Amino acid sequence: MLGGMITFLEGILVEAYPTHVVLNVHGVGYHVSIPLSSYDRLPAPGSKFHILTHLQIREDAHVLFGFATTPERDLFRLLIHHVSGIGPKTALDVLSGVSVMSFKAAVVAGDTKSLSQVKGIGKKTAERIIVELKDKVGVAAAWEAASATHAPAPREMEMNDAMLALIALGYKQVDAHKAIKAVTEGRPVEEIPSDELLREALKRLA
């Protein structure tokens, strides 16, 4: 299991972008690809930082993927190991486009519509994800219990819906994410009606 050889890195965050970070570990700069969900949790550059990693070894390169939380890395691995046709890049797109909780809820509910709106996932791939992940022994049951006890907060649902709507309109995931964050800065998102959230985000993108 080559992918498990580097399981985390700890060092100084040198550069932080929505798609990747550069981490200085004892004088060695590591380039680590990350999903948008992890970008939100990054400290300021110059800070000490611990990131969970997954190492992909290809013939032409060793590629590091990084995650701020264990559920993100677990979902990434589940996608690349158990869904045919999904590679690391698409798995990162999935994590960037939808929260782990909402993704699991969609799989359990068989909601292909929500999944197929995520960048890199069409209707066929969404159907394949549901078929291939739902039948994993014990996963569906555990997820159903988790979905019932930790239903995504209204805030998360509203932000996800707005983001998917903007992506469906043709905006880039990173831009949609930034616009929604700007609208919700300093305001509880549950107090912003979803149509207003979308309207304000569109104004910022215009």
N, C-alpha and C. Protein backbone atom coordinates (compact mmCIF):
# COMPACT_ATOMS: atom_id res chain seq x y z
N MET A 1 0.87 -1.19 0.00
CA MET A 1 0.00 0.00 0.00
C MET A 1 0.90 1.24 0.00
N LEU A 2 1.36 1.58 -1.20
CA LEU A 2 2.31 2.68 -1.31
C LEU A 2 1.73 4.02 -0.88
N GLY A 3 0.40 4.19 -1.10
CA GLY A 3 -0.23 5.47 -0.80
C GLY A 3 -0.16 5.85 0.66
N GLY A 4 0.18 4.91 1.53
CA GLY A 4 0.15 5.24 2.96
C GLY A 4 1.51 5.61 3.53
N MET A 5 2.54 5.69 2.68
CA MET A 5 3.90 5.86 3.21
C MET A 5 4.15 7.20 3.90
N ILE A 6 3.58 8.29 3.37
CA ILE A 6 3.70 9.58 4.08
C ILE A 6 2.29 9.90 4.54
N THR A 7 2.04 9.81 5.85
CA THR A 7 0.65 9.98 6.30
C THR A 7 0.36 11.38 6.82
N PHE A 8 1.41 12.13 7.16
CA PHE A 8 1.20 13.54 7.51
C PHE A 8 2.51 14.30 7.37
N LEU A 9 2.39 15.62 7.32
CA LEU A 9 3.57 16.48 7.28
C LEU A 9 3.37 17.57 8.32
N GLU A 10 4.46 17.97 8.97
CA GLU A 10 4.37 19.07 9.91
C GLU A 10 5.53 20.01 9.64
N GLY A 11 5.20 21.28 9.46
CA GLY A 11 6.27 22.24 9.16
C GLY A 11 5.71 23.64 9.13
N ILE A 12 6.39 24.51 8.42
CA ILE A 12 5.96 25.91 8.31
C ILE A 12 5.24 26.09 6.98
N LEU A 13 4.04 26.68 7.04
CA LEU A 13 3.27 26.95 5.83
C LEU A 13 3.93 28.12 5.10
N VAL A 14 4.44 27.85 3.89
CA VAL A 14 5.15 28.88 3.13
C VAL A 14 4.18 29.60 2.18
N GLU A 15 3.41 28.81 1.43
CA GLU A 15 2.45 29.39 0.49
C GLU A 15 1.12 28.67 0.64
N ALA A 16 0.02 29.41 0.49
CA ALA A 16 -1.31 28.81 0.59
C ALA A 16 -2.19 29.29 -0.56
N TYR A 17 -2.66 28.36 -1.37
CA TYR A 17 -3.56 28.67 -2.48
C TYR A 17 -4.79 27.77 -2.35
N PRO A 18 -5.91 28.14 -3.01
CA PRO A 18 -7.10 27.28 -2.92
C PRO A 18 -6.87 25.87 -3.46
N THR A 19 -5.83 25.69 -4.28
CA THR A 19 -5.59 24.37 -4.87
C THR A 19 -4.41 23.62 -4.27
N HIS A 20 -3.47 24.36 -3.65
CA HIS A 20 -2.30 23.67 -3.09
C HIS A 20 -1.61 24.52 -2.03
N VAL A 21 -0.76 23.87 -1.24
CA VAL A 21 0.07 24.57 -0.27
C VAL A 21 1.52 24.15 -0.48
N VAL A 22 2.44 25.00 -0.01
CA VAL A 22 3.85 24.62 0.03
C VAL A 22 4.24 24.64 1.51
N LEU A 23 4.77 23.51 1.96
CA LEU A 23 5.11 23.35 3.37
C LEU A 23 6.61 23.14 3.50
N ASN A 24 7.25 23.91 4.37
CA ASN A 24 8.68 23.76 4.60
C ASN A 24 8.87 22.81 5.79
N VAL A 25 9.35 21.61 5.49
CA VAL A 25 9.60 20.63 6.55
C VAL A 25 11.11 20.43 6.66
N HIS A 26 11.70 20.99 7.70
CA HIS A 26 13.16 20.91 7.91
C HIS A 26 13.95 21.29 6.66
N GLY A 27 13.56 22.40 6.02
CA GLY A 27 14.32 22.88 4.87
C GLY A 27 13.95 22.27 3.54
N VAL A 28 12.98 21.35 3.52
CA VAL A 28 12.52 20.77 2.26
C VAL A 28 11.12 21.32 1.97
N GLY A 29 10.92 21.86 0.76
CA GLY A 29 9.59 22.41 0.42
C GLY A 29 8.72 21.35 -0.23
N TYR A 30 7.62 21.00 0.42
CA TYR A 30 6.69 20.01 -0.13
C TYR A 30 5.50 20.72 -0.78
N HIS A 31 5.20 20.36 -2.04
CA HIS A 31 4.03 20.89 -2.75
C HIS A 31 2.90 19.89 -2.50
N VAL A 32 1.82 20.33 -1.88
CA VAL A 32 0.72 19.42 -1.53
C VAL A 32 -0.59 19.95 -2.12
N SER A 33 -1.24 19.14 -2.96
CA SER A 33 -2.54 19.54 -3.53
C SER A 33 -3.62 19.38 -2.46
N ILE A 34 -4.53 20.36 -2.36
CA ILE A 34 -5.57 20.31 -1.33
C ILE A 34 -6.95 20.61 -1.93
N PRO A 35 -8.03 20.19 -1.25
CA PRO A 35 -9.37 20.60 -1.68
C PRO A 35 -9.71 21.96 -1.05
N LEU A 36 -10.71 22.63 -1.60
CA LEU A 36 -11.15 23.93 -1.07
C LEU A 36 -11.55 23.85 0.40
N SER A 37 -12.14 22.71 0.77
CA SER A 37 -12.60 22.55 2.16
C SER A 37 -11.43 22.66 3.14
N SER A 38 -10.25 22.18 2.74
CA SER A 38 -9.08 22.28 3.63
C SER A 38 -8.47 23.69 3.58
N TYR A 39 -8.60 24.35 2.43
CA TYR A 39 -8.07 25.71 2.28
C TYR A 39 -8.69 26.64 3.33
N ASP A 40 -9.98 26.42 3.60
CA ASP A 40 -10.69 27.24 4.60
C ASP A 40 -10.08 27.14 5.99
N ARG A 41 -9.39 26.05 6.26
CA ARG A 41 -8.88 25.82 7.62
C ARG A 41 -7.39 26.14 7.78
N LEU A 42 -6.80 26.71 6.73
CA LEU A 42 -5.35 26.97 6.80
C LEU A 42 -5.03 28.16 7.70
N PRO A 43 -3.92 28.08 8.43
CA PRO A 43 -3.47 29.25 9.19
C PRO A 43 -2.77 30.24 8.25
N ALA A 44 -2.31 31.35 8.77
CA ALA A 44 -1.59 32.33 7.94
C ALA A 44 -0.23 31.78 7.55
N PRO A 45 0.27 32.10 6.33
CA PRO A 45 1.62 31.66 5.95
C PRO A 45 2.62 32.12 7.01
N GLY A 46 3.61 31.25 7.28
CA GLY A 46 4.59 31.53 8.33
C GLY A 46 4.25 30.79 9.62
N SER A 47 3.02 30.24 9.68
CA SER A 47 2.60 29.50 10.89
C SER A 47 3.05 28.04 10.80
N LYS A 48 3.18 27.42 11.98
CA LYS A 48 3.47 25.99 12.03
C LYS A 48 2.18 25.27 11.65
N PHE A 49 2.29 24.21 10.89
CA PHE A 49 1.09 23.59 10.33
C PHE A 49 1.25 22.07 10.23
N HIS A 50 0.18 21.35 10.54
CA HIS A 50 0.16 19.88 10.47
C HIS A 50 -0.91 19.50 9.46
N ILE A 51 -0.55 18.74 8.44
CA ILE A 51 -1.54 18.36 7.43
C ILE A 51 -1.49 16.85 7.20
N LEU A 52 -2.67 16.23 7.09
CA LEU A 52 -2.76 14.79 6.79
C LEU A 52 -2.52 14.62 5.30
N THR A 53 -1.81 13.58 4.91
CA THR A 53 -1.49 13.44 3.49
C THR A 53 -1.80 12.05 2.94
N HIS A 54 -1.91 12.02 1.62
CA HIS A 54 -2.02 10.76 0.89
C HIS A 54 -1.01 10.87 -0.24
N LEU A 55 -0.13 9.91 -0.35
CA LEU A 55 0.92 9.94 -1.37
C LEU A 55 0.52 9.04 -2.53
N GLN A 56 0.49 9.62 -3.72
CA GLN A 56 0.20 8.81 -4.91
C GLN A 56 1.51 8.63 -5.67
N ILE A 57 1.87 7.37 -5.89
CA ILE A 57 3.13 7.11 -6.60
C ILE A 57 2.81 6.68 -8.03
N ARG A 58 3.25 7.54 -8.97
CA ARG A 58 3.06 7.22 -10.39
C ARG A 58 4.43 6.96 -10.99
N GLU A 59 4.44 6.44 -12.20
CA GLU A 59 5.73 6.17 -12.85
C GLU A 59 6.54 7.46 -13.02
N ASP A 60 5.83 8.58 -13.31
CA ASP A 60 6.55 9.81 -13.61
C ASP A 60 6.67 10.77 -12.44
N ALA A 61 5.96 10.49 -11.34
CA ALA A 61 6.00 11.45 -10.23
C ALA A 61 5.44 10.88 -8.94
N HIS A 62 5.84 11.48 -7.83
CA HIS A 62 5.23 11.19 -6.53
C HIS A 62 4.37 12.42 -6.22
N VAL A 63 3.07 12.24 -6.06
CA VAL A 63 2.18 13.38 -5.87
C VAL A 63 1.56 13.32 -4.48
N LEU A 64 1.66 14.44 -3.75
CA LEU A 64 1.10 14.50 -2.40
C LEU A 64 -0.23 15.24 -2.39
N PHE A 65 -1.23 14.65 -1.73
CA PHE A 65 -2.52 15.30 -1.53
C PHE A 65 -2.68 15.52 -0.04
N GLY A 66 -3.18 16.70 0.34
CA GLY A 66 -3.28 17.02 1.77
C GLY A 66 -4.69 17.35 2.21
N PHE A 67 -4.98 17.08 3.49
CA PHE A 67 -6.33 17.27 4.03
C PHE A 67 -6.25 17.80 5.45
N ALA A 68 -7.16 18.72 5.77
CA ALA A 68 -7.17 19.31 7.10
C ALA A 68 -7.79 18.36 8.12
N THR A 69 -8.69 17.46 7.65
CA THR A 69 -9.38 16.57 8.59
C THR A 69 -9.35 15.12 8.10
N THR A 70 -9.49 14.20 9.05
CA THR A 70 -9.50 12.77 8.72
C THR A 70 -10.69 12.39 7.82
N PRO A 71 -11.93 12.89 8.10
CA PRO A 71 -13.04 12.51 7.21
C PRO A 71 -12.81 12.89 5.75
N GLU A 72 -12.11 14.02 5.53
CA GLU A 72 -11.83 14.41 4.14
C GLU A 72 -10.90 13.39 3.48
N ARG A 73 -9.85 13.03 4.19
CA ARG A 73 -8.90 12.06 3.61
C ARG A 73 -9.57 10.70 3.42
N ASP A 74 -10.40 10.30 4.38
CA ASP A 74 -11.10 9.00 4.27
C ASP A 74 -12.00 8.97 3.03
N LEU A 75 -12.72 10.07 2.81
CA LEU A 75 -13.62 10.12 1.65
C LEU A 75 -12.81 10.12 0.35
N PHE A 76 -11.71 10.85 0.33
CA PHE A 76 -10.82 10.89 -0.84
C PHE A 76 -10.36 9.47 -1.19
N ARG A 77 -9.91 8.74 -0.16
CA ARG A 77 -9.42 7.37 -0.39
C ARG A 77 -10.54 6.43 -0.84
N LEU A 78 -11.72 6.62 -0.24
CA LEU A 78 -12.87 5.79 -0.60
C LEU A 78 -13.19 5.98 -2.09
N LEU A 79 -13.16 7.23 -2.53
CA LEU A 79 -13.47 7.54 -3.94
C LEU A 79 -12.44 6.95 -4.89
N ILE A 80 -11.14 7.16 -4.59
CA ILE A 80 -10.13 6.71 -5.55
C ILE A 80 -9.95 5.19 -5.53
N HIS A 81 -10.23 4.55 -4.39
CA HIS A 81 -10.04 3.10 -4.31
C HIS A 81 -11.28 2.29 -4.69
N HIS A 82 -12.46 2.89 -4.55
CA HIS A 82 -13.67 2.08 -4.71
C HIS A 82 -14.62 2.52 -5.81
N VAL A 83 -14.37 3.67 -6.44
CA VAL A 83 -15.25 4.09 -7.53
C VAL A 83 -14.44 4.07 -8.82
N SER A 84 -14.82 3.16 -9.73
CA SER A 84 -14.05 3.04 -10.97
C SER A 84 -14.18 4.33 -11.77
N GLY A 85 -13.05 4.75 -12.34
CA GLY A 85 -13.08 5.96 -13.17
C GLY A 85 -12.83 7.25 -12.40
N ILE A 86 -12.71 7.18 -11.07
CA ILE A 86 -12.42 8.40 -10.30
C ILE A 86 -10.97 8.38 -9.85
N GLY A 87 -10.23 9.39 -10.31
CA GLY A 87 -8.82 9.51 -9.90
C GLY A 87 -8.69 10.60 -8.85
N PRO A 88 -7.47 10.84 -8.39
CA PRO A 88 -7.26 11.84 -7.34
C PRO A 88 -7.78 13.24 -7.68
N LYS A 89 -7.64 13.66 -8.96
CA LYS A 89 -8.06 15.02 -9.31
C LYS A 89 -9.58 15.16 -9.14
N THR A 90 -10.32 14.18 -9.64
CA THR A 90 -11.78 14.25 -9.51
C THR A 90 -12.19 14.14 -8.04
N ALA A 91 -11.49 13.30 -7.28
CA ALA A 91 -11.80 13.15 -5.85
C ALA A 91 -11.61 14.49 -5.13
N LEU A 92 -10.55 15.25 -5.51
CA LEU A 92 -10.33 16.58 -4.92
C LEU A 92 -11.46 17.53 -5.31
N ASP A 93 -11.91 17.43 -6.58
CA ASP A 93 -13.03 18.27 -7.03
C ASP A 93 -14.28 18.00 -6.21
N VAL A 94 -14.52 16.71 -5.91
CA VAL A 94 -15.69 16.34 -5.12
C VAL A 94 -15.60 17.00 -3.74
N LEU A 95 -14.44 16.87 -3.09
CA LEU A 95 -14.26 17.46 -1.76
C LEU A 95 -14.34 18.98 -1.80
N SER A 96 -13.97 19.57 -2.94
CA SER A 96 -14.02 21.03 -3.06
C SER A 96 -15.46 21.51 -3.28
N GLY A 97 -16.27 20.65 -3.89
CA GLY A 97 -17.61 21.08 -4.28
C GLY A 97 -18.71 20.77 -3.29
N VAL A 98 -18.43 19.89 -2.34
CA VAL A 98 -19.49 19.49 -1.41
C VAL A 98 -18.85 19.04 -0.11
N SER A 99 -19.51 19.28 1.03
CA SER A 99 -18.92 18.87 2.31
C SER A 99 -19.03 17.35 2.44
N VAL A 100 -18.16 16.77 3.26
CA VAL A 100 -18.15 15.31 3.46
C VAL A 100 -19.55 14.84 3.91
N MET A 101 -20.15 15.60 4.85
CA MET A 101 -21.45 15.22 5.39
C MET A 101 -22.54 15.23 4.32
N SER A 102 -22.55 16.30 3.52
CA SER A 102 -23.56 16.41 2.46
C SER A 102 -23.36 15.33 1.40
N PHE A 103 -22.10 15.02 1.11
CA PHE A 103 -21.80 13.97 0.13
C PHE A 103 -22.36 12.64 0.62
N LYS A 104 -22.07 12.32 1.89
CA LYS A 104 -22.54 11.05 2.43
C LYS A 104 -24.07 10.98 2.46
N ALA A 105 -24.68 12.11 2.83
CA ALA A 105 -26.14 12.16 2.87
C ALA A 105 -26.72 11.91 1.47
N ALA A 106 -26.06 12.49 0.44
CA ALA A 106 -26.53 12.32 -0.94
C ALA A 106 -26.39 10.86 -1.39
N VAL A 107 -25.29 10.22 -1.00
CA VAL A 107 -25.08 8.80 -1.38
C VAL A 107 -26.15 7.92 -0.72
N VAL A 108 -26.37 8.15 0.56
CA VAL A 108 -27.36 7.36 1.31
C VAL A 108 -28.75 7.57 0.72
N ALA A 109 -29.06 8.82 0.33
CA ALA A 109 -30.38 9.14 -0.20
C ALA A 109 -30.51 8.78 -1.69
N GLY A 110 -29.39 8.37 -2.32
CA GLY A 110 -29.42 8.04 -3.75
C GLY A 110 -29.68 9.29 -4.59
N ASP A 111 -29.20 10.44 -4.11
CA ASP A 111 -29.46 11.73 -4.75
C ASP A 111 -28.44 12.02 -5.86
N THR A 112 -28.71 11.49 -7.05
CA THR A 112 -27.75 11.69 -8.16
C THR A 112 -27.74 13.15 -8.61
N LYS A 113 -28.87 13.85 -8.44
CA LYS A 113 -28.96 15.24 -8.93
C LYS A 113 -27.92 16.12 -8.24
N SER A 114 -27.85 16.04 -6.90
CA SER A 114 -26.87 16.86 -6.17
C SER A 114 -25.46 16.49 -6.56
N LEU A 115 -25.18 15.18 -6.61
CA LEU A 115 -23.81 14.73 -6.91
C LEU A 115 -23.38 15.13 -8.32
N SER A 116 -24.31 15.06 -9.27
CA SER A 116 -23.91 15.32 -10.66
C SER A 116 -23.66 16.80 -10.92
N GLN A 117 -24.00 17.67 -9.94
CA GLN A 117 -23.71 19.10 -10.12
C GLN A 117 -22.28 19.45 -9.69
N VAL A 118 -21.62 18.53 -9.02
CA VAL A 118 -20.24 18.78 -8.58
C VAL A 118 -19.32 18.71 -9.80
N LYS A 119 -18.36 19.64 -9.87
CA LYS A 119 -17.42 19.69 -10.99
C LYS A 119 -16.74 18.33 -11.19
N GLY A 120 -16.68 17.89 -12.43
CA GLY A 120 -15.99 16.64 -12.73
C GLY A 120 -16.86 15.40 -12.60
N ILE A 121 -18.10 15.58 -12.12
CA ILE A 121 -18.99 14.43 -11.95
C ILE A 121 -20.22 14.62 -12.82
N GLY A 122 -20.40 13.75 -13.79
CA GLY A 122 -21.62 13.81 -14.60
C GLY A 122 -22.65 12.86 -14.00
N LYS A 123 -23.78 12.73 -14.69
CA LYS A 123 -24.86 11.87 -14.19
C LYS A 123 -24.39 10.42 -14.05
N LYS A 124 -23.65 9.94 -15.06
CA LYS A 124 -23.20 8.54 -15.04
C LYS A 124 -22.27 8.27 -13.85
N THR A 125 -21.33 9.20 -13.63
CA THR A 125 -20.38 9.02 -12.52
C THR A 125 -21.12 9.09 -11.19
N ALA A 126 -22.10 9.99 -11.09
CA ALA A 126 -22.89 10.13 -9.86
C ALA A 126 -23.61 8.81 -9.56
N GLU A 127 -24.17 8.21 -10.61
CA GLU A 127 -24.87 6.91 -10.42
C GLU A 127 -23.88 5.84 -9.98
N ARG A 128 -22.69 5.88 -10.59
CA ARG A 128 -21.67 4.87 -10.25
C ARG A 128 -21.22 5.03 -8.79
N ILE A 129 -21.04 6.29 -8.36
CA ILE A 129 -20.64 6.56 -6.97
C ILE A 129 -21.66 5.94 -6.02
N ILE A 130 -22.94 6.18 -6.31
CA ILE A 130 -23.99 5.70 -5.41
C ILE A 130 -24.01 4.17 -5.37
N VAL A 131 -23.93 3.56 -6.53
CA VAL A 131 -23.96 2.08 -6.59
C VAL A 131 -22.73 1.50 -5.89
N GLU A 132 -21.54 2.05 -6.19
CA GLU A 132 -20.31 1.43 -5.69
C GLU A 132 -20.01 1.74 -4.23
N LEU A 133 -20.51 2.88 -3.72
CA LEU A 133 -20.22 3.20 -2.32
C LEU A 133 -21.34 2.76 -1.39
N LYS A 134 -22.58 2.73 -1.91
CA LYS A 134 -23.71 2.38 -1.04
C LYS A 134 -23.61 0.94 -0.58
N ASP A 135 -23.06 0.09 -1.45
CA ASP A 135 -23.02 -1.34 -1.12
C ASP A 135 -21.81 -1.74 -0.31
N LYS A 136 -20.96 -0.79 0.02
CA LYS A 136 -19.81 -1.16 0.83
C LYS A 136 -20.29 -1.62 2.19
N VAL A 137 -19.85 -2.80 2.60
CA VAL A 137 -20.35 -3.41 3.83
C VAL A 137 -20.21 -2.47 5.02
N GLY A 138 -21.32 -2.23 5.67
CA GLY A 138 -21.30 -1.42 6.89
C GLY A 138 -21.23 0.07 6.66
N VAL A 139 -20.85 0.50 5.45
CA VAL A 139 -20.69 1.93 5.22
C VAL A 139 -22.05 2.62 5.22
N ALA A 140 -23.00 2.06 4.45
CA ALA A 140 -24.31 2.71 4.33
C ALA A 140 -24.99 2.84 5.69
N ALA A 141 -24.93 1.76 6.47
CA ALA A 141 -25.59 1.78 7.77
C ALA A 141 -24.96 2.84 8.68
N ALA A 142 -23.62 2.87 8.67
CA ALA A 142 -22.92 3.84 9.51
C ALA A 142 -23.24 5.26 9.05
N TRP A 143 -23.31 5.45 7.72
CA TRP A 143 -23.59 6.77 7.19
C TRP A 143 -25.01 7.20 7.53
N GLU A 144 -25.95 6.23 7.44
CA GLU A 144 -27.34 6.60 7.73
C GLU A 144 -27.45 7.06 9.17
N ALA A 145 -26.76 6.33 10.07
CA ALA A 145 -26.78 6.72 11.49
C ALA A 145 -26.14 8.10 11.64
N ALA A 146 -25.02 8.30 10.93
CA ALA A 146 -24.31 9.58 11.02
C ALA A 146 -25.18 10.71 10.45
N SER A 147 -25.87 10.43 9.33
CA SER A 147 -26.69 11.47 8.71
C SER A 147 -27.82 11.86 9.64
N ALA A 148 -28.34 10.88 10.38
CA ALA A 148 -29.45 11.17 11.29
C ALA A 148 -28.97 11.99 12.48
N THR A 149 -27.78 11.62 13.00
CA THR A 149 -27.32 12.32 14.22
C THR A 149 -26.60 13.62 13.91
N HIS A 150 -25.87 13.65 12.78
CA HIS A 150 -25.14 14.89 12.46
C HIS A 150 -25.65 15.43 11.14
N ALA A 151 -26.94 15.64 11.04
CA ALA A 151 -27.46 16.20 9.79
C ALA A 151 -26.71 17.51 9.52
N PRO A 152 -26.38 17.77 8.25
CA PRO A 152 -25.62 18.99 7.98
C PRO A 152 -26.37 20.21 8.52
N ALA A 153 -25.63 21.14 9.12
CA ALA A 153 -26.25 22.34 9.67
C ALA A 153 -26.90 23.14 8.55
N PRO A 154 -27.97 23.89 8.88
CA PRO A 154 -28.62 24.70 7.82
C PRO A 154 -27.60 25.56 7.09
N ARG A 155 -26.62 26.09 7.85
CA ARG A 155 -25.59 26.95 7.26
C ARG A 155 -24.85 26.21 6.14
N GLU A 156 -24.47 24.97 6.43
CA GLU A 156 -23.71 24.18 5.46
C GLU A 156 -24.55 23.89 4.22
N MET A 157 -25.83 23.54 4.46
CA MET A 157 -26.72 23.20 3.35
C MET A 157 -26.92 24.41 2.44
N GLU A 158 -27.19 25.58 3.06
CA GLU A 158 -27.44 26.80 2.29
C GLU A 158 -26.21 27.14 1.43
N MET A 159 -25.02 27.05 2.05
CA MET A 159 -23.80 27.41 1.32
C MET A 159 -23.53 26.42 0.19
N ASN A 160 -23.77 25.13 0.46
CA ASN A 160 -23.58 24.11 -0.57
C ASN A 160 -24.51 24.33 -1.74
N ASP A 161 -25.81 24.61 -1.41
CA ASP A 161 -26.80 24.80 -2.48
C ASP A 161 -26.42 26.00 -3.36
N ALA A 162 -26.02 27.09 -2.70
CA ALA A 162 -25.65 28.30 -3.45
C ALA A 162 -24.43 28.02 -4.33
N MET A 163 -23.47 27.29 -3.77
CA MET A 163 -22.25 27.00 -4.53
C MET A 163 -22.57 26.14 -5.76
N LEU A 164 -23.40 25.11 -5.57
CA LEU A 164 -23.75 24.24 -6.70
C LEU A 164 -24.51 25.03 -7.76
N ALA A 165 -25.38 25.96 -7.31
CA ALA A 165 -26.15 26.78 -8.26
C ALA A 165 -25.20 27.64 -9.10
N LEU A 166 -24.20 28.24 -8.45
CA LEU A 166 -23.24 29.09 -9.17
C LEU A 166 -22.40 28.26 -10.15
N ILE A 167 -22.01 27.05 -9.72
CA ILE A 167 -21.22 26.17 -10.60
C ILE A 167 -22.06 25.77 -11.81
N ALA A 168 -23.35 25.50 -11.54
CA ALA A 168 -24.27 25.13 -12.63
C ALA A 168 -24.41 26.29 -13.63
N LEU A 169 -24.24 27.53 -13.14
CA LEU A 169 -24.32 28.70 -14.02
C LEU A 169 -23.01 28.93 -14.79
N GLY A 170 -22.02 28.09 -14.50
CA GLY A 170 -20.78 28.18 -15.26
C GLY A 170 -19.63 28.88 -14.56
N TYR A 171 -19.83 29.26 -13.27
CA TYR A 171 -18.72 29.90 -12.55
C TYR A 171 -17.75 28.85 -12.03
N LYS A 172 -16.49 29.26 -11.89
CA LYS A 172 -15.48 28.34 -11.34
C LYS A 172 -15.75 28.10 -9.87
N GLN A 173 -15.44 26.88 -9.43
CA GLN A 173 -15.66 26.51 -8.03
C GLN A 173 -14.98 27.48 -7.06
N VAL A 174 -13.72 27.83 -7.34
CA VAL A 174 -12.95 28.70 -6.44
C VAL A 174 -13.62 30.08 -6.34
N ASP A 175 -14.09 30.61 -7.50
CA ASP A 175 -14.72 31.93 -7.51
C ASP A 175 -16.06 31.91 -6.78
N ALA A 176 -16.84 30.85 -7.02
CA ALA A 176 -18.15 30.72 -6.37
C ALA A 176 -17.96 30.67 -4.85
N HIS A 177 -16.97 29.90 -4.44
CA HIS A 177 -16.68 29.72 -3.02
C HIS A 177 -16.32 31.07 -2.38
N LYS A 178 -15.44 31.84 -3.08
CA LYS A 178 -15.01 33.14 -2.56
C LYS A 178 -16.19 34.10 -2.43
N ALA A 179 -17.05 34.12 -3.45
CA ALA A 179 -18.19 35.05 -3.47
C ALA A 179 -19.14 34.74 -2.31
N ILE A 180 -19.42 33.45 -2.09
CA ILE A 180 -20.34 33.07 -1.01
C ILE A 180 -19.73 33.42 0.35
N LYS A 181 -18.44 33.17 0.49
CA LYS A 181 -17.76 33.52 1.75
C LYS A 181 -17.85 35.01 2.02
N ALA A 182 -17.68 35.81 0.94
CA ALA A 182 -17.73 37.28 1.09
C ALA A 182 -19.11 37.72 1.55
N VAL A 183 -20.16 37.08 1.00
CA VAL A 183 -21.54 37.45 1.37
C VAL A 183 -21.82 37.08 2.83
N THR A 184 -21.31 35.93 3.27
CA THR A 184 -21.65 35.44 4.61
C THR A 184 -20.71 35.95 5.70
N GLU A 185 -19.67 36.68 5.30
CA GLU A 185 -18.72 37.22 6.27
C GLU A 185 -19.45 38.09 7.30
N GLY A 186 -19.39 37.67 8.56
CA GLY A 186 -19.97 38.49 9.61
C GLY A 186 -21.49 38.40 9.75
N ARG A 187 -22.12 37.55 8.94
CA ARG A 187 -23.57 37.36 9.05
C ARG A 187 -23.88 35.89 9.17
N PRO A 188 -24.75 35.47 10.11
CA PRO A 188 -25.09 34.04 10.16
C PRO A 188 -25.84 33.68 8.88
N VAL A 189 -25.34 32.67 8.18
CA VAL A 189 -25.89 32.36 6.86
C VAL A 189 -27.36 31.93 6.95
N GLU A 190 -27.76 31.31 8.10
CA GLU A 190 -29.15 30.89 8.18
C GLU A 190 -30.13 32.06 8.22
N GLU A 191 -29.58 33.26 8.47
CA GLU A 191 -30.45 34.45 8.47
C GLU A 191 -30.55 35.05 7.06
N ILE A 192 -29.75 34.53 6.12
CA ILE A 192 -29.80 35.05 4.75
C ILE A 192 -30.64 34.09 3.91
N PRO A 193 -31.79 34.54 3.38
CA PRO A 193 -32.58 33.64 2.53
C PRO A 193 -31.72 33.15 1.35
N SER A 194 -31.94 31.90 0.93
CA SER A 194 -31.04 31.34 -0.10
C SER A 194 -31.07 32.13 -1.40
N ASP A 195 -32.24 32.69 -1.77
CA ASP A 195 -32.26 33.46 -3.02
C ASP A 195 -31.42 34.74 -2.89
N GLU A 196 -31.43 35.32 -1.66
CA GLU A 196 -30.62 36.53 -1.43
C GLU A 196 -29.13 36.18 -1.46
N LEU A 197 -28.79 35.02 -0.86
CA LEU A 197 -27.40 34.56 -0.83
C LEU A 197 -26.88 34.43 -2.26
N LEU A 198 -27.71 33.82 -3.10
CA LEU A 198 -27.33 33.60 -4.50
C LEU A 198 -27.22 34.94 -5.25
N ARG A 199 -28.20 35.82 -5.01
CA ARG A 199 -28.23 37.13 -5.70
C ARG A 199 -27.00 37.96 -5.34
N GLU A 200 -26.69 37.99 -4.04
CA GLU A 200 -25.53 38.77 -3.58
C GLU A 200 -24.22 38.18 -4.11
N ALA A 201 -24.13 36.84 -4.11
CA ALA A 201 -22.91 36.19 -4.64
C ALA A 201 -22.75 36.51 -6.12
N LEU A 202 -23.87 36.49 -6.86
CA LEU A 202 -23.81 36.80 -8.30
C LEU A 202 -23.35 38.23 -8.55
N LYS A 203 -23.82 39.15 -7.66
CA LYS A 203 -23.39 40.57 -7.79
C LYS A 203 -21.87 40.65 -7.66
N ARG A 204 -21.32 39.91 -6.69
CA ARG A 204 -19.87 39.96 -6.47
C ARG A 204 -19.11 39.33 -7.64
N LEU A 205 -19.72 38.38 -8.31
CA LEU A 205 -19.05 37.70 -9.41
C LEU A 205 -19.16 38.50 -10.72
N ALA A 206 -20.18 39.39 -10.77
CA ALA A 206 -20.44 40.12 -12.03
C ALA A 206 -19.29 41.06 -12.37
